[in-house]
Amino acid sequence: MSSSNFILLQHGADAFNTKFQDRDGQVAYTVREVSQTPNPKWQLKHPDQPLGPENGYLYFGPARTPGSVFYGSARDPVQMSECLRKHRESTTSRYFKTLAGKDIKWRFVNHKMECVDGRTTLALWELSDPEADHHASLTIYGRSGLGMVTELVTMLTLNRIARDLEWS
């Protein structure tokens, strides 16, 4: 494993209620039904690297219909539908625009999700073996992925919720 990659282990299968921890057991993110909050202690492990916005919030409409996404460092919310865009009807990929204005996509491949910026893989989420002590792992590739880790985890969570709730 390259020293510039960061692996977060997902504990819990429920996209509305899960934790991501590093291999040292330090909680990096806790996902709750309404908010996703990075842990400042985990952020301190990477003092020379900006991790993107401090918080990502998912606000749902009535009966958990798509609502909006709000980042603590952004002024305006973004509609969830804008964060789950398809470029073609038959694709499993979902595109979102980062706070820096880049179009990034999460693509579904079997029991994995891969986040790519053009030809660069930023992150890979994959289910773990049933015997593992965690449900899934999220590998953040290099400094480019770590620089937007809050956005990646927020959009990963939104994509998982959209699948669980069968949003088209």
C-alpha atoms as a PDB file:
ATOM      1  CA  MET A   1       0.000   0.000   0.000  1.00  0.00           C
ATOM      2  CA  SER A   2       1.349   3.396  -0.922  1.00  0.00           C
ATOM      3  CA  SER A   3       1.945   5.730   2.004  1.00  0.00           C
ATOM      4  CA  SER A   4      -0.101   8.411   0.233  1.00  0.00           C
ATOM      5  CA  ASN A   5      -3.306   6.348   0.303  1.00  0.00           C
ATOM      6  CA  PHE A   6      -5.673   6.525   3.260  1.00  0.00           C
ATOM      7  CA  ILE A   7      -8.031   3.672   4.147  1.00  0.00           C
ATOM      8  CA  LEU A   8     -11.139   4.246   6.223  1.00  0.00           C
ATOM      9  CA  LEU A   9     -13.070   1.232   7.493  1.00  0.00           C
ATOM     10  CA  GLN A  10     -16.849   1.553   7.520  1.00  0.00           C
ATOM     11  CA  HIS A  11     -18.560   0.133  10.612  1.00  0.00           C
ATOM     12  CA  GLY A  12     -22.269  -0.421  10.026  1.00  0.00           C
ATOM     13  CA  ALA A  13     -24.258  -1.205   6.877  1.00  0.00           C
ATOM     14  CA  ASP A  14     -26.930   1.477   7.340  1.00  0.00           C
ATOM     15  CA  ALA A  15     -26.087   4.457   5.112  1.00  0.00           C
ATOM     16  CA  PHE A  16     -27.982   6.715   7.565  1.00  0.00           C
ATOM     17  CA  ASN A  17     -25.973   5.551  10.584  1.00  0.00           C
ATOM     18  CA  THR A  18     -22.357   4.452  10.214  1.00  0.00           C
ATOM     19  CA  LYS A  19     -18.812   5.339  11.208  1.00  0.00           C
ATOM     20  CA  PHE A  20     -15.585   5.510   9.211  1.00  0.00           C
ATOM     21  CA  GLN A  21     -12.397   4.737  11.160  1.00  0.00           C
ATOM     22  CA  ASP A  22      -8.775   4.560  10.118  1.00  0.00           C
ATOM     23  CA  ARG A  23      -6.752   1.401  10.743  1.00  0.00           C
ATOM     24  CA  ASP A  24      -5.565   2.865  14.075  1.00  0.00           C
ATOM     25  CA  GLY A  25      -9.165   2.906  15.289  1.00  0.00           C
ATOM     26  CA  GLN A  26      -9.481   6.702  15.120  1.00  0.00           C
ATOM     27  CA  VAL A  27     -12.969   7.792  14.057  1.00  0.00           C
ATOM     28  CA  ALA A  28     -12.671  10.026  10.986  1.00  0.00           C
ATOM     29  CA  TYR A  29     -16.366  10.534  10.225  1.00  0.00           C
ATOM     30  CA  THR A  30     -19.650   9.693  11.849  1.00  0.00           C
ATOM     31  CA  VAL A  31     -22.665   9.588   9.557  1.00  0.00           C
ATOM     32  CA  ARG A  32     -26.010  10.260  11.147  1.00  0.00           C
ATOM     33  CA  GLU A  33     -29.385  10.600   9.529  1.00  0.00           C
ATOM     34  CA  VAL A  34     -29.145  14.389   9.216  1.00  0.00           C
ATOM     35  CA  SER A  35     -25.462  15.255   9.392  1.00  0.00           C
ATOM     36  CA  GLN A  36     -22.012  13.965   8.725  1.00  0.00           C
ATOM     37  CA  THR A  37     -19.366  15.365  11.010  1.00  0.00           C
ATOM     38  CA  PRO A  38     -15.611  14.840  10.679  1.00  0.00           C
ATOM     39  CA  ASN A  39     -13.747  14.219  13.895  1.00  0.00           C
ATOM     40  CA  PRO A  40     -11.251  17.028  14.691  1.00  0.00           C
ATOM     41  CA  LYS A  41      -8.807  14.494  16.217  1.00  0.00           C
ATOM     42  CA  TRP A  42      -8.632  12.653  12.876  1.00  0.00           C
ATOM     43  CA  GLN A  43      -8.169  15.946  11.052  1.00  0.00           C
ATOM     44  CA  LEU A  44      -5.186  16.715  13.308  1.00  0.00           C
ATOM     45  CA  LYS A  45      -3.456  13.571  11.985  1.00  0.00           C
ATOM     46  CA  HIS A  46      -3.220  15.382   8.620  1.00  0.00           C
ATOM     47  CA  PRO A  47      -2.227  18.932   9.637  1.00  0.00           C
ATOM     48  CA  ASP A  48      -0.442  19.752   6.360  1.00  0.00           C
ATOM     49  CA  GLN A  49      -3.380  18.731   4.175  1.00  0.00           C
ATOM     50  CA  PRO A  50      -6.630  20.662   3.785  1.00  0.00           C
ATOM     51  CA  LEU A  51      -9.476  18.163   4.011  1.00  0.00           C
ATOM     52  CA  GLY A  52     -12.124  20.250   2.287  1.00  0.00           C
ATOM     53  CA  PRO A  53     -15.145  21.604   4.112  1.00  0.00           C
ATOM     54  CA  GLU A  54     -15.467  20.839   7.796  1.00  0.00           C
ATOM     55  CA  ASN A  55     -19.013  19.433   7.623  1.00  0.00           C
ATOM     56  CA  GLY A  56     -21.398  17.991   5.079  1.00  0.00           C
ATOM     57  CA  TYR A  57     -25.137  17.993   5.792  1.00  0.00           C
ATOM     58  CA  LEU A  58     -27.884  16.125   3.957  1.00  0.00           C
ATOM     59  CA  TYR A  59     -31.319  17.704   4.386  1.00  0.00           C
ATOM     60  CA  PHE A  60     -34.152  15.497   3.165  1.00  0.00           C
ATOM     61  CA  GLY A  61     -37.605  16.399   1.965  1.00  0.00           C
ATOM     62  CA  PRO A  62     -40.830  14.889   3.334  1.00  0.00           C
ATOM     63  CA  ALA A  63     -40.712  11.094   3.735  1.00  0.00           C
ATOM     64  CA  ARG A  64     -36.956  11.068   2.921  1.00  0.00           C
ATOM     65  CA  THR A  65     -37.403  12.445  -0.580  1.00  0.00           C
ATOM     66  CA  PRO A  66     -34.415  14.227  -2.160  1.00  0.00           C
ATOM     67  CA  GLY A  67     -33.667  17.548  -0.531  1.00  0.00           C
ATOM     68  CA  SER A  68     -30.409  19.465  -0.452  1.00  0.00           C
ATOM     69  CA  VAL A  69     -26.736  19.153   0.502  1.00  0.00           C
ATOM     70  CA  PHE A  70     -25.025  21.852   2.517  1.00  0.00           C
ATOM     71  CA  TYR A  71     -21.337  22.162   3.353  1.00  0.00           C
ATOM     72  CA  GLY A  72     -20.265  24.160   6.386  1.00  0.00           C
ATOM     73  CA  SER A  73     -17.864  26.242   4.292  1.00  0.00           C
ATOM     74  CA  ALA A  74     -20.250  26.882   1.383  1.00  0.00           C
ATOM     75  CA  ARG A  75     -22.776  29.676   1.279  1.00  0.00           C
ATOM     76  CA  ASP A  76     -25.611  27.977  -0.569  1.00  0.00           C
ATOM     77  CA  PRO A  77     -27.071  24.468  -0.488  1.00  0.00           C
ATOM     78  CA  VAL A  78     -27.039  22.258  -3.581  1.00  0.00           C
ATOM     79  CA  GLN A  79     -30.068  20.201  -4.606  1.00  0.00           C
ATOM     80  CA  MET A  80     -29.485  16.456  -4.168  1.00  0.00           C
ATOM     81  CA  SER A  81     -30.660  15.913  -7.741  1.00  0.00           C
ATOM     82  CA  GLU A  82     -27.663  18.008  -8.875  1.00  0.00           C
ATOM     83  CA  CYS A  83     -25.367  15.712  -6.888  1.00  0.00           C
ATOM     84  CA  LEU A  84     -26.793  12.549  -8.461  1.00  0.00           C
ATOM     85  CA  ARG A  85     -26.718  13.550 -12.136  1.00  0.00           C
ATOM     86  CA  LYS A  86     -26.506  10.953 -14.907  1.00  0.00           C
ATOM     87  CA  HIS A  87     -24.797  11.814 -18.188  1.00  0.00           C
ATOM     88  CA  ARG A  88     -26.548   8.898 -19.935  1.00  0.00           C
ATOM     89  CA  GLU A  89     -29.783   7.186 -18.971  1.00  0.00           C
ATOM     90  CA  SER A  90     -28.273   3.663 -18.951  1.00  0.00           C
ATOM     91  CA  THR A  91     -25.257   4.503 -16.759  1.00  0.00           C
ATOM     92  CA  THR A  92     -24.750   3.614 -13.107  1.00  0.00           C
ATOM     93  CA  SER A  93     -22.421   6.593 -12.656  1.00  0.00           C
ATOM     94  CA  ARG A  94     -23.579   9.650 -10.720  1.00  0.00           C
ATOM     95  CA  TYR A  95     -21.875  13.018 -11.173  1.00  0.00           C
ATOM     96  CA  PHE A  96     -21.495  15.856  -8.713  1.00  0.00           C
ATOM     97  CA  LYS A  97     -19.736  19.201  -8.818  1.00  0.00           C
ATOM     98  CA  THR A  98     -17.156  19.844  -6.102  1.00  0.00           C
ATOM     99  CA  LEU A  99     -16.942  23.129  -4.246  1.00  0.00           C
ATOM    100  CA  ALA A 100     -13.949  23.881  -6.490  1.00  0.00           C
ATOM    101  CA  GLY A 101     -16.207  23.469  -9.546  1.00  0.00           C
ATOM    102  CA  LYS A 102     -14.884  20.114 -10.833  1.00  0.00           C
ATOM    103  CA  ASP A 103     -17.236  17.452 -12.189  1.00  0.00           C
ATOM    104  CA  ILE A 104     -16.505  14.202 -10.330  1.00  0.00           C
ATOM    105  CA  LYS A 105     -18.328  10.895 -10.586  1.00  0.00           C
ATOM    106  CA  TRP A 106     -19.076   7.933  -8.373  1.00  0.00           C
ATOM    107  CA  ARG A 107     -19.485   4.813 -10.483  1.00  0.00           C
ATOM    108  CA  PHE A 108     -21.063   1.593  -9.255  1.00  0.00           C
ATOM    109  CA  VAL A 109     -19.261  -1.647 -10.110  1.00  0.00           C
ATOM    110  CA  ASN A 110     -20.751  -4.776  -8.497  1.00  0.00           C
ATOM    111  CA  HIS A 111     -20.276  -4.357  -4.739  1.00  0.00           C
ATOM    112  CA  LYS A 112     -17.858  -1.466  -5.131  1.00  0.00           C
ATOM    113  CA  MET A 113     -18.100   2.235  -5.808  1.00  0.00           C
ATOM    114  CA  GLU A 114     -15.256   4.106  -7.437  1.00  0.00           C
ATOM    115  CA  CYS A 115     -14.892   7.885  -7.407  1.00  0.00           C
ATOM    116  CA  VAL A 116     -13.001   9.285 -10.388  1.00  0.00           C
ATOM    117  CA  ASP A 117     -11.922  12.662 -11.700  1.00  0.00           C
ATOM    118  CA  GLY A 118     -11.348  12.037 -15.397  1.00  0.00           C
ATOM    119  CA  ARG A 119      -8.848   9.166 -15.420  1.00  0.00           C
ATOM    120  CA  THR A 120      -7.717   9.668 -11.827  1.00  0.00           C
ATOM    121  CA  THR A 121      -9.222   7.455  -9.141  1.00  0.00           C
ATOM    122  CA  LEU A 122      -9.817   9.520  -6.010  1.00  0.00           C
ATOM    123  CA  ALA A 123     -11.478   6.898  -3.816  1.00  0.00           C
ATOM    124  CA  LEU A 124     -12.702   3.313  -3.769  1.00  0.00           C
ATOM    125  CA  TRP A 125     -15.469   2.010  -1.479  1.00  0.00           C
ATOM    126  CA  GLU A 126     -15.914  -1.744  -1.270  1.00  0.00           C
ATOM    127  CA  LEU A 127     -17.864  -4.185   0.853  1.00  0.00           C
ATOM    128  CA  SER A 128     -15.795  -6.303   3.210  1.00  0.00           C
ATOM    129  CA  ASP A 129     -15.820 -10.054   3.661  1.00  0.00           C
ATOM    130  CA  PRO A 130     -18.687 -11.166   5.916  1.00  0.00           C
ATOM    131  CA  GLU A 131     -16.160 -12.319   8.545  1.00  0.00           C
ATOM    132  CA  ALA A 132     -14.502  -8.884   8.790  1.00  0.00           C
ATOM    133  CA  ASP A 133     -15.096  -6.652  11.804  1.00  0.00           C
ATOM    134  CA  HIS A 134     -16.241  -3.815   9.517  1.00  0.00           C
ATOM    135  CA  HIS A 135     -18.908  -3.572   6.804  1.00  0.00           C
ATOM    136  CA  ALA A 136     -16.856  -1.855   4.079  1.00  0.00           C
ATOM    137  CA  SER A 137     -13.661   0.078   3.470  1.00  0.00           C
ATOM    138  CA  LEU A 138     -13.071   3.421   1.806  1.00  0.00           C
ATOM    139  CA  THR A 139      -9.621   4.005   0.307  1.00  0.00           C
ATOM    140  CA  ILE A 140      -8.765   7.650  -0.379  1.00  0.00           C
ATOM    141  CA  TYR A 141      -6.033   7.861  -3.005  1.00  0.00           C
ATOM    142  CA  GLY A 142      -3.322  10.423  -2.470  1.00  0.00           C
ATOM    143  CA  ARG A 143      -3.456  14.078  -1.590  1.00  0.00           C
ATOM    144  CA  SER A 144      -5.986  14.936  -4.312  1.00  0.00           C
ATOM    145  CA  GLY A 145      -8.569  12.640  -2.718  1.00  0.00           C
ATOM    146  CA  LEU A 146      -7.718  13.684   0.820  1.00  0.00           C
ATOM    147  CA  GLY A 147      -8.118  17.358  -0.150  1.00  0.00           C
ATOM    148  CA  MET A 148     -11.817  16.749  -0.772  1.00  0.00           C
ATOM    149  CA  VAL A 149     -12.448  13.892   1.653  1.00  0.00           C
ATOM    150  CA  THR A 150     -15.510  15.521   3.254  1.00  0.00           C
ATOM    151  CA  GLU A 151     -17.118  15.959  -0.162  1.00  0.00           C
ATOM    152  CA  LEU A 152     -16.229  12.363  -1.135  1.00  0.00           C
ATOM    153  CA  VAL A 153     -17.705  10.868   2.053  1.00  0.00           C
ATOM    154  CA  THR A 154     -20.811  13.085   1.790  1.00  0.00           C
ATOM    155  CA  MET A 155     -21.428  12.102  -1.845  1.00  0.00           C
ATOM    156  CA  LEU A 156     -20.672   8.431  -1.135  1.00  0.00           C
ATOM    157  CA  THR A 157     -23.271   8.536   1.636  1.00  0.00           C
ATOM    158  CA  LEU A 158     -25.790  10.308  -0.602  1.00  0.00           C
ATOM    159  CA  ASN A 159     -25.276   7.742  -3.388  1.00  0.00           C
ATOM    160  CA  ARG A 160     -25.746   4.854  -0.954  1.00  0.00           C
ATOM    161  CA  ILE A 161     -28.901   6.445   0.468  1.00  0.00           C
ATOM    162  CA  ALA A 162     -30.247   7.092  -3.045  1.00  0.00           C
ATOM    163  CA  ARG A 163     -29.752   3.397  -3.860  1.00  0.00           C
ATOM    164  CA  ASP A 164     -31.264   2.216  -0.566  1.00  0.00           C
ATOM    165  CA  LEU A 165     -34.322   4.439  -1.050  1.00  0.00           C
ATOM    166  CA  GLU A 166     -34.529   3.508  -4.763  1.00  0.00           C
ATOM    167  CA  TRP A 167     -34.394   7.061  -6.064  1.00  0.00           C
ATOM    168  CA  SER A 168     -34.148   6.894  -9.851  1.00  0.00           C
END
